[in-house]
Amino acid sequence: MVHYVMARRETTGFEVPHTFFHLGQEVMPVFSSAEAARRCLASQALGERWHVREFSTGEPVSLLFMLHERVAWVLPNPPLERLRAEDALSQLMRRGSYIDFLIAN
């Protein structure tokens, strides 16, 4: 299973995924297609340093473990309109639940 995130390369070489805040906690949007991730990235106008990053198989699990102190939620396949739209937020998954989902699939 392949997943995509919007990411920015830092000077340290690490790619930081795009997150937004909901109720004071960071949310990471994750996409099941590169095209959906590119459309969302274009709609967010984050700047040219941002790109779509592909993660395959266990990589999203590793990423979420590395970001355990930052990212509390994952938002799978958010709609293009607005990441914070109430209907989109109804799809929020706790980071641990999303990791369990990834491991099971």
PDB file of N, CA and C in Angstrom:
ATOM      1  N   MET A   1       0.848  -1.172   0.000  1.00  0.00           N
ATOM      2  CA  MET A   1       0.000   0.000   0.000  1.00  0.00           C
ATOM      3  C   MET A   1       0.898   1.241   0.000  1.00  0.00           C
ATOM      4  N   VAL A   2       0.596   2.191  -0.874  1.00  0.00           N
ATOM      5  CA  VAL A   2       1.388   3.412  -1.005  1.00  0.00           C
ATOM      6  C   VAL A   2       0.590   4.580  -0.435  1.00  0.00           C
ATOM      7  N   HIS A   3       1.283   5.458   0.284  1.00  0.00           N
ATOM      8  CA  HIS A   3       0.666   6.647   0.864  1.00  0.00           C
ATOM      9  C   HIS A   3       1.489   7.859   0.445  1.00  0.00           C
ATOM     10  N   TYR A   4       0.837   9.005   0.426  1.00  0.00           N
ATOM     11  CA  TYR A   4       1.489  10.247   0.018  1.00  0.00           C
ATOM     12  C   TYR A   4       1.217  11.328   1.054  1.00  0.00           C
ATOM     13  N   VAL A   5       2.227  12.152   1.297  1.00  0.00           N
ATOM     14  CA  VAL A   5       2.077  13.306   2.176  1.00  0.00           C
ATOM     15  C   VAL A   5       2.653  14.519   1.465  1.00  0.00           C
ATOM     16  N   MET A   6       2.269  15.687   1.935  1.00  0.00           N
ATOM     17  CA  MET A   6       2.886  16.922   1.463  1.00  0.00           C
ATOM     18  C   MET A   6       4.074  17.147   2.387  1.00  0.00           C
ATOM     19  N   ALA A   7       5.257  17.351   1.809  1.00  0.00           N
ATOM     20  CA  ALA A   7       6.466  17.429   2.630  1.00  0.00           C
ATOM     21  C   ALA A   7       7.366  18.571   2.180  1.00  0.00           C
ATOM     22  N   ARG A   8       8.257  18.964   3.085  1.00  0.00           N
ATOM     23  CA  ARG A   8       9.252  19.998   2.811  1.00  0.00           C
ATOM     24  C   ARG A   8      10.586  19.496   3.332  1.00  0.00           C
ATOM     25  N   ARG A   9      11.621  19.576   2.500  1.00  0.00           N
ATOM     26  CA  ARG A   9      12.954  19.171   2.919  1.00  0.00           C
ATOM     27  C   ARG A   9      13.583  20.263   3.781  1.00  0.00           C
ATOM     28  N   GLU A  10      14.076  19.867   4.940  1.00  0.00           N
ATOM     29  CA  GLU A  10      14.751  20.792   5.859  1.00  0.00           C
ATOM     30  C   GLU A  10      16.240  20.829   5.543  1.00  0.00           C
ATOM     31  N   THR A  11      16.936  21.777   6.108  1.00  0.00           N
ATOM     32  CA  THR A  11      18.382  21.881   5.887  1.00  0.00           C
ATOM     33  C   THR A  11      19.132  20.673   6.433  1.00  0.00           C
ATOM     34  N   THR A  12      18.508  19.963   7.361  1.00  0.00           N
ATOM     35  CA  THR A  12      19.123  18.758   7.931  1.00  0.00           C
ATOM     36  C   THR A  12      18.986  17.557   6.991  1.00  0.00           C
ATOM     37  N   GLY A  13      18.202  17.724   5.902  1.00  0.00           N
ATOM     38  CA  GLY A  13      17.974  16.634   4.963  1.00  0.00           C
ATOM     39  C   GLY A  13      16.704  15.859   5.246  1.00  0.00           C
ATOM     40  N   PHE A  14      16.126  16.065   6.420  1.00  0.00           N
ATOM     41  CA  PHE A  14      14.892  15.379   6.795  1.00  0.00           C
ATOM     42  C   PHE A  14      13.710  16.043   6.103  1.00  0.00           C
ATOM     43  N   GLU A  15      12.773  15.246   5.635  1.00  0.00           N
ATOM     44  CA  GLU A  15      11.566  15.791   5.031  1.00  0.00           C
ATOM     45  C   GLU A  15      10.468  15.861   6.085  1.00  0.00           C
ATOM     46  N   VAL A  16       9.981  17.060   6.313  1.00  0.00           N
ATOM     47  CA  VAL A  16       8.955  17.301   7.319  1.00  0.00           C
ATOM     48  C   VAL A  16       7.596  17.302   6.636  1.00  0.00           C
ATOM     49  N   PRO A  17       6.659  16.481   7.104  1.00  0.00           N
ATOM     50  CA  PRO A  17       5.334  16.490   6.485  1.00  0.00           C
ATOM     51  C   PRO A  17       4.537  17.725   6.880  1.00  0.00           C
ATOM     52  N   HIS A  18       3.665  18.127   5.986  1.00  0.00           N
ATOM     53  CA  HIS A  18       2.771  19.249   6.275  1.00  0.00           C
ATOM     54  C   HIS A  18       1.766  18.818   7.336  1.00  0.00           C
ATOM     55  N   THR A  19       1.560  19.650   8.320  1.00  0.00           N
ATOM     56  CA  THR A  19       0.545  19.420   9.345  1.00  0.00           C
ATOM     57  C   THR A  19      -0.239  20.700   9.544  1.00  0.00           C
ATOM     58  N   PHE A  20      -1.386  20.589  10.149  1.00  0.00           N
ATOM     59  CA  PHE A  20      -2.134  21.756  10.582  1.00  0.00           C
ATOM     60  C   PHE A  20      -2.626  21.474  11.992  1.00  0.00           C
ATOM     61  N   PHE A  21      -3.108  22.483  12.662  1.00  0.00           N
ATOM     62  CA  PHE A  21      -3.541  22.328  14.054  1.00  0.00           C
ATOM     63  C   PHE A  21      -5.052  22.226  14.148  1.00  0.00           C
ATOM     64  N   HIS A  22      -5.496  21.315  15.008  1.00  0.00           N
ATOM     65  CA  HIS A  22      -6.907  21.179  15.350  1.00  0.00           C
ATOM     66  C   HIS A  22      -6.972  21.005  16.859  1.00  0.00           C
ATOM     67  N   LEU A  23      -7.646  21.924  17.515  1.00  0.00           N
ATOM     68  CA  LEU A  23      -7.769  21.913  18.973  1.00  0.00           C
ATOM     69  C   LEU A  23      -6.404  21.821  19.654  1.00  0.00           C
ATOM     70  N   GLY A  24      -5.430  22.540  19.115  1.00  0.00           N
ATOM     71  CA  GLY A  24      -4.102  22.603  19.708  1.00  0.00           C
ATOM     72  C   GLY A  24      -3.200  21.407  19.438  1.00  0.00           C
ATOM     73  N   GLN A  25      -3.651  20.466  18.613  1.00  0.00           N
ATOM     74  CA  GLN A  25      -2.832  19.293  18.302  1.00  0.00           C
ATOM     75  C   GLN A  25      -2.590  19.222  16.796  1.00  0.00           C
ATOM     76  N   GLU A  26      -1.421  18.690  16.419  1.00  0.00           N
ATOM     77  CA  GLU A  26      -1.076  18.614  15.005  1.00  0.00           C
ATOM     78  C   GLU A  26      -1.770  17.452  14.314  1.00  0.00           C
ATOM     79  N   VAL A  27      -2.224  17.740  13.107  1.00  0.00           N
ATOM     80  CA  VAL A  27      -2.901  16.767  12.249  1.00  0.00           C
ATOM     81  C   VAL A  27      -2.098  16.643  10.960  1.00  0.00           C
ATOM     82  N   MET A  28      -1.816  15.409  10.540  1.00  0.00           N
ATOM     83  CA  MET A  28      -1.086  15.182   9.296  1.00  0.00           C
ATOM     84  C   MET A  28      -2.033  14.595   8.255  1.00  0.00           C
ATOM     85  N   PRO A  29      -2.275  15.320   7.151  1.00  0.00           N
ATOM     86  CA  PRO A  29      -3.086  14.745   6.083  1.00  0.00           C
ATOM     87  C   PRO A  29      -2.280  13.705   5.306  1.00  0.00           C
ATOM     88  N   VAL A  30      -2.926  12.583   4.974  1.00  0.00           N
ATOM     89  CA  VAL A  30      -2.301  11.487   4.237  1.00  0.00           C
ATOM     90  C   VAL A  30      -3.218  11.126   3.073  1.00  0.00           C
ATOM     91  N   PHE A  31      -2.626  10.853   1.927  1.00  0.00           N
ATOM     92  CA  PHE A  31      -3.395  10.597   0.717  1.00  0.00           C
ATOM     93  C   PHE A  31      -3.092   9.215   0.159  1.00  0.00           C
ATOM     94  N   SER A  32      -4.089   8.625  -0.497  1.00  0.00           N
ATOM     95  CA  SER A  32      -3.888   7.311  -1.114  1.00  0.00           C
ATOM     96  C   SER A  32      -3.507   7.418  -2.581  1.00  0.00           C
ATOM     97  N   SER A  33      -3.496   8.634  -3.137  1.00  0.00           N
ATOM     98  CA  SER A  33      -3.042   8.820  -4.513  1.00  0.00           C
ATOM     99  C   SER A  33      -2.177  10.069  -4.615  1.00  0.00           C
ATOM    100  N   ALA A  34      -1.194  10.001  -5.489  1.00  0.00           N
ATOM    101  CA  ALA A  34      -0.296  11.144  -5.702  1.00  0.00           C
ATOM    102  C   ALA A  34      -1.067  12.321  -6.275  1.00  0.00           C
ATOM    103  N   GLU A  35      -2.004  12.044  -7.162  1.00  0.00           N
ATOM    104  CA  GLU A  35      -2.782  13.113  -7.790  1.00  0.00           C
ATOM    105  C   GLU A  35      -3.595  13.885  -6.755  1.00  0.00           C
ATOM    106  N   ALA A  36      -4.246  13.179  -5.839  1.00  0.00           N
ATOM    107  CA  ALA A  36      -5.017  13.851  -4.789  1.00  0.00           C
ATOM    108  C   ALA A  36      -4.100  14.702  -3.914  1.00  0.00           C
ATOM    109  N   ALA A  37      -2.934  14.194  -3.592  1.00  0.00           N
ATOM    110  CA  ALA A  37      -1.978  14.951  -2.779  1.00  0.00           C
ATOM    111  C   ALA A  37      -1.506  16.198  -3.525  1.00  0.00           C
ATOM    112  N   ARG A  38      -1.242  16.072  -4.835  1.00  0.00           N
ATOM    113  CA  ARG A  38      -0.805  17.235  -5.632  1.00  0.00           C
ATOM    114  C   ARG A  38      -1.903  18.290  -5.722  1.00  0.00           C
ATOM    115  N   ARG A  39      -3.148  17.849  -5.903  1.00  0.00           N
ATOM    116  CA  ARG A  39      -4.254  18.811  -5.969  1.00  0.00           C
ATOM    117  C   ARG A  39      -4.407  19.546  -4.640  1.00  0.00           C
ATOM    118  N   CYS A  40      -4.292  18.817  -3.545  1.00  0.00           N
ATOM    119  CA  CYS A  40      -4.408  19.445  -2.228  1.00  0.00           C
ATOM    120  C   CYS A  40      -3.250  20.410  -1.995  1.00  0.00           C
ATOM    121  N   LEU A  41      -2.052  20.002  -2.362  1.00  0.00           N
ATOM    122  CA  LEU A  41      -0.882  20.872  -2.212  1.00  0.00           C
ATOM    123  C   LEU A  41      -1.080  22.160  -2.993  1.00  0.00           C
ATOM    124  N   ALA A  42      -1.563  22.056  -4.224  1.00  0.00           N
ATOM    125  CA  ALA A  42      -1.798  23.242  -5.047  1.00  0.00           C
ATOM    126  C   ALA A  42      -2.857  24.149  -4.424  1.00  0.00           C
ATOM    127  N   SER A  43      -3.858  23.565  -3.796  1.00  0.00           N
ATOM    128  CA  SER A  43      -4.927  24.363  -3.195  1.00  0.00           C
ATOM    129  C   SER A  43      -4.481  25.056  -1.908  1.00  0.00           C
ATOM    130  N   GLN A  44      -3.424  24.572  -1.280  1.00  0.00           N
ATOM    131  CA  GLN A  44      -2.963  25.143  -0.014  1.00  0.00           C
ATOM    132  C   GLN A  44      -1.993  26.304  -0.190  1.00  0.00           C
ATOM    133  N   ALA A  45      -1.370  26.419  -1.364  1.00  0.00           N
ATOM    134  CA  ALA A  45      -0.417  27.502  -1.638  1.00  0.00           C
ATOM    135  C   ALA A  45       0.645  27.603  -0.539  1.00  0.00           C
ATOM    136  N   LEU A  46       1.316  26.502  -0.264  1.00  0.00           N
ATOM    137  CA  LEU A  46       2.316  26.458   0.805  1.00  0.00           C
ATOM    138  C   LEU A  46       3.669  27.005   0.378  1.00  0.00           C
ATOM    139  N   GLY A  47       3.906  27.119  -0.911  1.00  0.00           N
ATOM    140  CA  GLY A  47       5.194  27.613  -1.388  1.00  0.00           C
ATOM    141  C   GLY A  47       5.926  26.553  -2.173  1.00  0.00           C
ATOM    142  N   GLU A  48       6.981  26.973  -2.850  1.00  0.00           N
ATOM    143  CA  GLU A  48       7.673  26.052  -3.760  1.00  0.00           C
ATOM    144  C   GLU A  48       8.569  25.037  -3.076  1.00  0.00           C
ATOM    145  N   ARG A  49       8.869  25.198  -1.821  1.00  0.00           N
ATOM    146  CA  ARG A  49       9.692  24.199  -1.118  1.00  0.00           C
ATOM    147  C   ARG A  49       8.905  22.930  -0.800  1.00  0.00           C
ATOM    148  N   TRP A  50       7.592  22.982  -0.924  1.00  0.00           N
ATOM    149  CA  TRP A  50       6.736  21.845  -0.606  1.00  0.00           C
ATOM    150  C   TRP A  50       6.541  20.976  -1.835  1.00  0.00           C
ATOM    151  N   HIS A  51       6.463  19.665  -1.626  1.00  0.00           N
ATOM    152  CA  HIS A  51       6.262  18.708  -2.709  1.00  0.00           C
ATOM    153  C   HIS A  51       5.482  17.506  -2.166  1.00  0.00           C
ATOM    154  N   VAL A  52       5.109  16.611  -3.059  1.00  0.00           N
ATOM    155  CA  VAL A  52       4.421  15.389  -2.658  1.00  0.00           C
ATOM    156  C   VAL A  52       5.459  14.300  -2.474  1.00  0.00           C
ATOM    157  N   ARG A  53       5.399  13.629  -1.348  1.00  0.00           N
ATOM    158  CA  ARG A  53       6.360  12.573  -1.005  1.00  0.00           C
ATOM    159  C   ARG A  53       5.635  11.247  -0.915  1.00  0.00           C
ATOM    160  N   GLU A  54       6.154  10.255  -1.610  1.00  0.00           N
ATOM    161  CA  GLU A  54       5.575   8.912  -1.591  1.00  0.00           C
ATOM    162  C   GLU A  54       6.196   8.095  -0.465  1.00  0.00           C
ATOM    163  N   PHE A  55       5.346   7.374   0.262  1.00  0.00           N
ATOM    164  CA  PHE A  55       5.795   6.455   1.294  1.00  0.00           C
ATOM    165  C   PHE A  55       5.181   5.097   0.982  1.00  0.00           C
ATOM    166  N   SER A  56       5.994   4.070   0.952  1.00  0.00           N
ATOM    167  CA  SER A  56       5.455   2.746   0.663  1.00  0.00           C
ATOM    168  C   SER A  56       5.561   1.834   1.885  1.00  0.00           C
ATOM    169  N   THR A  57       4.699   0.871   1.945  1.00  0.00           N
ATOM    170  CA  THR A  57       4.623  -0.168   2.966  1.00  0.00           C
ATOM    171  C   THR A  57       4.786   0.381   4.380  1.00  0.00           C
ATOM    172  N   GLY A  58       5.894   0.121   5.064  1.00  0.00           N
ATOM    173  CA  GLY A  58       6.051   0.483   6.465  1.00  0.00           C
ATOM    174  C   GLY A  58       6.560   1.881   6.719  1.00  0.00           C
ATOM    175  N   GLU A  59       6.902   2.622   5.673  1.00  0.00           N
ATOM    176  CA  GLU A  59       7.456   3.967   5.888  1.00  0.00           C
ATOM    177  C   GLU A  59       6.524   4.903   6.648  1.00  0.00           C
ATOM    178  N   PRO A  60       5.208   4.921   6.370  1.00  0.00           N
ATOM    179  CA  PRO A  60       4.343   5.823   7.156  1.00  0.00           C
ATOM    180  C   PRO A  60       4.340   5.477   8.644  1.00  0.00           C
ATOM    181  N   VAL A  61       4.459   4.199   8.959  1.00  0.00           N
ATOM    182  CA  VAL A  61       4.510   3.788  10.368  1.00  0.00           C
ATOM    183  C   VAL A  61       5.761   4.374  11.018  1.00  0.00           C
ATOM    184  N   SER A  62       6.900   4.238  10.352  1.00  0.00           N
ATOM    185  CA  SER A  62       8.157   4.793  10.877  1.00  0.00           C
ATOM    186  C   SER A  62       8.064   6.300  11.043  1.00  0.00           C
ATOM    187  N   LEU A  63       7.502   6.970  10.044  1.00  0.00           N
ATOM    188  CA  LEU A  63       7.356   8.423  10.108  1.00  0.00           C
ATOM    189  C   LEU A  63       6.511   8.827  11.304  1.00  0.00           C
ATOM    190  N   LEU A  64       5.388   8.155  11.507  1.00  0.00           N
ATOM    191  CA  LEU A  64       4.516   8.502  12.625  1.00  0.00           C
ATOM    192  C   LEU A  64       5.153   8.195  13.976  1.00  0.00           C
ATOM    193  N   PHE A  65       5.970   7.158  14.050  1.00  0.00           N
ATOM    194  CA  PHE A  65       6.696   6.896  15.303  1.00  0.00           C
ATOM    195  C   PHE A  65       7.723   8.001  15.556  1.00  0.00           C
ATOM    196  N   MET A  66       8.398   8.456  14.510  1.00  0.00           N
ATOM    197  CA  MET A  66       9.385   9.537  14.671  1.00  0.00           C
ATOM    198  C   MET A  66       8.714  10.830  15.111  1.00  0.00           C
ATOM    199  N   LEU A  67       7.496  11.052  14.657  1.00  0.00           N
ATOM    200  CA  LEU A  67       6.786  12.303  14.957  1.00  0.00           C
ATOM    201  C   LEU A  67       5.802  12.165  16.112  1.00  0.00           C
ATOM    202  N   HIS A  68       5.985  11.130  16.932  1.00  0.00           N
ATOM    203  CA  HIS A  68       5.001  10.843  17.982  1.00  0.00           C
ATOM    204  C   HIS A  68       4.780  12.001  18.950  1.00  0.00           C
ATOM    205  N   GLU A  69       5.767  12.839  19.158  1.00  0.00           N
ATOM    206  CA  GLU A  69       5.599  13.963  20.081  1.00  0.00           C
ATOM    207  C   GLU A  69       4.903  15.142  19.412  1.00  0.00           C
ATOM    208  N   ARG A  70       4.876  15.158  18.084  1.00  0.00           N
ATOM    209  CA  ARG A  70       4.258  16.266  17.351  1.00  0.00           C
ATOM    210  C   ARG A  70       2.866  15.938  16.848  1.00  0.00           C
ATOM    211  N   VAL A  71       2.744  14.865  16.096  1.00  0.00           N
ATOM    212  CA  VAL A  71       1.498  14.556  15.392  1.00  0.00           C
ATOM    213  C   VAL A  71       0.593  13.685  16.269  1.00  0.00           C
ATOM    214  N   ALA A  72      -0.595  14.205  16.552  1.00  0.00           N
ATOM    215  CA  ALA A  72      -1.557  13.465  17.377  1.00  0.00           C
ATOM    216  C   ALA A  72      -2.626  12.795  16.522  1.00  0.00           C
ATOM    217  N   TRP A  73      -2.877  13.340  15.339  1.00  0.00           N
ATOM    218  CA  TRP A  73      -3.967  12.878  14.480  1.00  0.00           C
ATOM    219  C   TRP A  73      -3.496  12.700  13.045  1.00  0.00           C
ATOM    220  N   VAL A  74      -4.208  11.843  12.313  1.00  0.00           N
ATOM    221  CA  VAL A  74      -3.984  11.662  10.877  1.00  0.00           C
ATOM    222  C   VAL A  74      -5.336  11.874  10.208  1.00  0.00           C
ATOM    223  N   LEU A  75      -5.324  12.562   9.078  1.00  0.00           N
ATOM    224  CA  LEU A  75      -6.544  12.799   8.310  1.00  0.00           C
ATOM    225  C   LEU A  75      -6.383  12.145   6.944  1.00  0.00           C
ATOM    226  N   PRO A  76      -6.944  10.945   6.765  1.00  0.00           N
ATOM    227  CA  PRO A  76      -6.828  10.246   5.478  1.00  0.00           C
ATOM    228  C   PRO A  76      -7.675  10.905   4.392  1.00  0.00           C
ATOM    229  N   ASN A  77      -7.066  11.098   3.234  1.00  0.00           N
ATOM    230  CA  ASN A  77      -7.743  11.606   2.037  1.00  0.00           C
ATOM    231  C   ASN A  77      -8.672  12.786   2.291  1.00  0.00           C
ATOM    232  N   PRO A  78      -8.123  13.898   2.788  1.00  0.00           N
ATOM    233  CA  PRO A  78      -8.981  15.059   3.063  1.00  0.00           C
ATOM    234  C   PRO A  78      -9.533  15.642   1.764  1.00  0.00           C
ATOM    235  N   PRO A  79     -10.694  16.282   1.842  1.00  0.00           N
ATOM    236  CA  PRO A  79     -11.255  16.934   0.652  1.00  0.00           C
ATOM    237  C   PRO A  79     -10.416  18.144   0.269  1.00  0.00           C
ATOM    238  N   LEU A  80     -10.487  18.521  -0.979  1.00  0.00           N
ATOM    239  CA  LEU A  80      -9.682  19.638  -1.463  1.00  0.00           C
ATOM    240  C   LEU A  80     -10.122  20.984  -0.925  1.00  0.00           C
ATOM    241  N   GLU A  81     -11.398  21.142  -0.643  1.00  0.00           N
ATOM    242  CA  GLU A  81     -11.930  22.450  -0.281  1.00  0.00           C
ATOM    243  C   GLU A  81     -11.105  23.112   0.825  1.00  0.00           C
ATOM    244  N   ARG A  82     -11.180  22.563   2.003  1.00  0.00           N
ATOM    245  CA  ARG A  82     -10.429  23.084   3.146  1.00  0.00           C
ATOM    246  C   ARG A  82     -10.118  21.932   4.056  1.00  0.00           C
ATOM    247  N   LEU A  83      -8.874  21.854   4.476  1.00  0.00           N
ATOM    248  CA  LEU A  83      -8.474  20.754   5.354  1.00  0.00           C
ATOM    249  C   LEU A  83      -9.244  20.768   6.665  1.00  0.00           C
ATOM    250  N   ARG A  84      -9.645  21.930   7.106  1.00  0.00           N
ATOM    251  CA  ARG A  84     -10.300  22.024   8.412  1.00  0.00           C
ATOM    252  C   ARG A  84     -11.820  21.989   8.341  1.00  0.00           C
ATOM    253  N   ALA A  85     -12.373  21.684   7.191  1.00  0.00           N
ATOM    254  CA  ALA A  85     -13.832  21.608   7.069  1.00  0.00           C
ATOM    255  C   ALA A  85     -14.361  20.565   8.056  1.00  0.00           C
ATOM    256  N   GLU A  86     -15.487  20.863   8.646  1.00  0.00           N
ATOM    257  CA  GLU A  86     -16.039  19.984   9.678  1.00  0.00           C
ATOM    258  C   GLU A  86     -16.247  18.557   9.177  1.00  0.00           C
ATOM    259  N   ASP A  87     -16.704  18.391   7.919  1.00  0.00           N
ATOM    260  CA  ASP A  87     -16.920  17.042   7.420  1.00  0.00           C
ATOM    261  C   ASP A  87     -15.605  16.302   7.262  1.00  0.00           C
ATOM    262  N   ALA A  88     -14.533  17.013   6.933  1.00  0.00           N
ATOM    263  CA  ALA A  88     -13.214  16.382   6.822  1.00  0.00           C
ATOM    264  C   ALA A  88     -12.723  15.946   8.202  1.00  0.00           C
ATOM    265  N   LEU A  89     -12.948  16.786   9.198  1.00  0.00           N
ATOM    266  CA  LEU A  89     -12.463  16.479  10.543  1.00  0.00           C
ATOM    267  C   LEU A  89     -13.189  15.281  11.159  1.00  0.00           C
ATOM    268  N   SER A  90     -14.339  14.944  10.621  1.00  0.00           N
ATOM    269  CA  SER A  90     -15.036  13.765  11.130  1.00  0.00           C
ATOM    270  C   SER A  90     -14.282  12.482  10.773  1.00  0.00           C
ATOM    271  N   GLN A  91     -13.340  12.574   9.840  1.00  0.00           N
ATOM    272  CA  GLN A  91     -12.543  11.423   9.414  1.00  0.00           C
ATOM    273  C   GLN A  91     -11.217  11.306  10.170  1.00  0.00           C
ATOM    274  N   LEU A  92     -10.977  12.202  11.118  1.00  0.00           N
ATOM    275  CA  LEU A  92      -9.727  12.171  11.879  1.00  0.00           C
ATOM    276  C   LEU A  92      -9.519  10.822  12.564  1.00  0.00           C
ATOM    277  N   MET A  93      -8.277  10.361  12.549  1.00  0.00           N
ATOM    278  CA  MET A  93      -7.919   9.136  13.266  1.00  0.00           C
ATOM    279  C   MET A  93      -6.770   9.463  14.212  1.00  0.00           C
ATOM    280  N   ARG A  94      -6.817   8.950  15.411  1.00  0.00           N
ATOM    281  CA  ARG A  94      -5.682   9.106  16.325  1.00  0.00           C
ATOM    282  C   ARG A  94      -4.464   8.457  15.682  1.00  0.00           C
ATOM    283  N   ARG A  95      -3.312   9.021  15.944  1.00  0.00           N
ATOM    284  CA  ARG A  95      -2.061   8.523  15.352  1.00  0.00           C
ATOM    285  C   ARG A  95      -1.906   7.028  15.606  1.00  0.00           C
ATOM    286  N   GLY A  96      -2.124   6.581  16.821  1.00  0.00           N
ATOM    287  CA  GLY A  96      -1.985   5.165  17.156  1.00  0.00           C
ATOM    288  C   GLY A  96      -2.962   4.273  16.406  1.00  0.00           C
ATOM    289  N   SER A  97      -4.194   4.742  16.241  1.00  0.00           N
ATOM    290  CA  SER A  97      -5.198   3.968  15.496  1.00  0.00           C
ATOM    291  C   SER A  97      -4.802   3.857  14.027  1.00  0.00           C
ATOM    292  N   TYR A  98      -4.257   4.927  13.485  1.00  0.00           N
ATOM    293  CA  TYR A  98      -3.831   4.887  12.083  1.00  0.00           C
ATOM    294  C   TYR A  98      -2.646   3.937  11.909  1.00  0.00           C
ATOM    295  N   ILE A  99      -1.725   3.944  12.861  1.00  0.00           N
ATOM    296  CA  ILE A  99      -0.597   3.001  12.819  1.00  0.00           C
ATOM    297  C   ILE A  99      -1.129   1.568  12.867  1.00  0.00           C
ATOM    298  N   ASP A 100      -2.079   1.294  13.750  1.00  0.00           N
ATOM    299  CA  ASP A 100      -2.682  -0.040  13.827  1.00  0.00           C
ATOM    300  C   ASP A 100      -3.315  -0.422  12.491  1.00  0.00           C
ATOM    301  N   PHE A 101      -4.022   0.520  11.871  1.00  0.00           N
ATOM    302  CA  PHE A 101      -4.637   0.290  10.565  1.00  0.00           C
ATOM    303  C   PHE A 101      -3.576  -0.060   9.513  1.00  0.00           C
ATOM    304  N   LEU A 102      -2.478   0.692   9.501  1.00  0.00           N
ATOM    305  CA  LEU A 102      -1.408   0.437   8.531  1.00  0.00           C
ATOM    306  C   LEU A 102      -0.783  -0.947   8.729  1.00  0.00           C
ATOM    307  N   ILE A 103      -0.551  -1.303   9.977  1.00  0.00           N
ATOM    308  CA  ILE A 103       0.065  -2.587  10.273  1.00  0.00           C
ATOM    309  C   ILE A 103      -0.856  -3.742   9.880  1.00  0.00           C
ATOM    310  N   ALA A 104      -2.156  -3.576  10.087  1.00  0.00           N
ATOM    311  CA  ALA A 104      -3.122  -4.626   9.766  1.00  0.00           C
ATOM    312  C   ALA A 104      -3.301  -4.810   8.256  1.00  0.00           C
ATOM    313  N   ASN A 105      -2.995  -3.781   7.501  1.00  0.00           N
ATOM    314  CA  ASN A 105      -3.181  -3.866   6.042  1.00  0.00           C
ATOM    315  C   ASN A 105      -1.858  -4.021   5.404  1.00  0.00           C
TER     316      ASN A 105
END
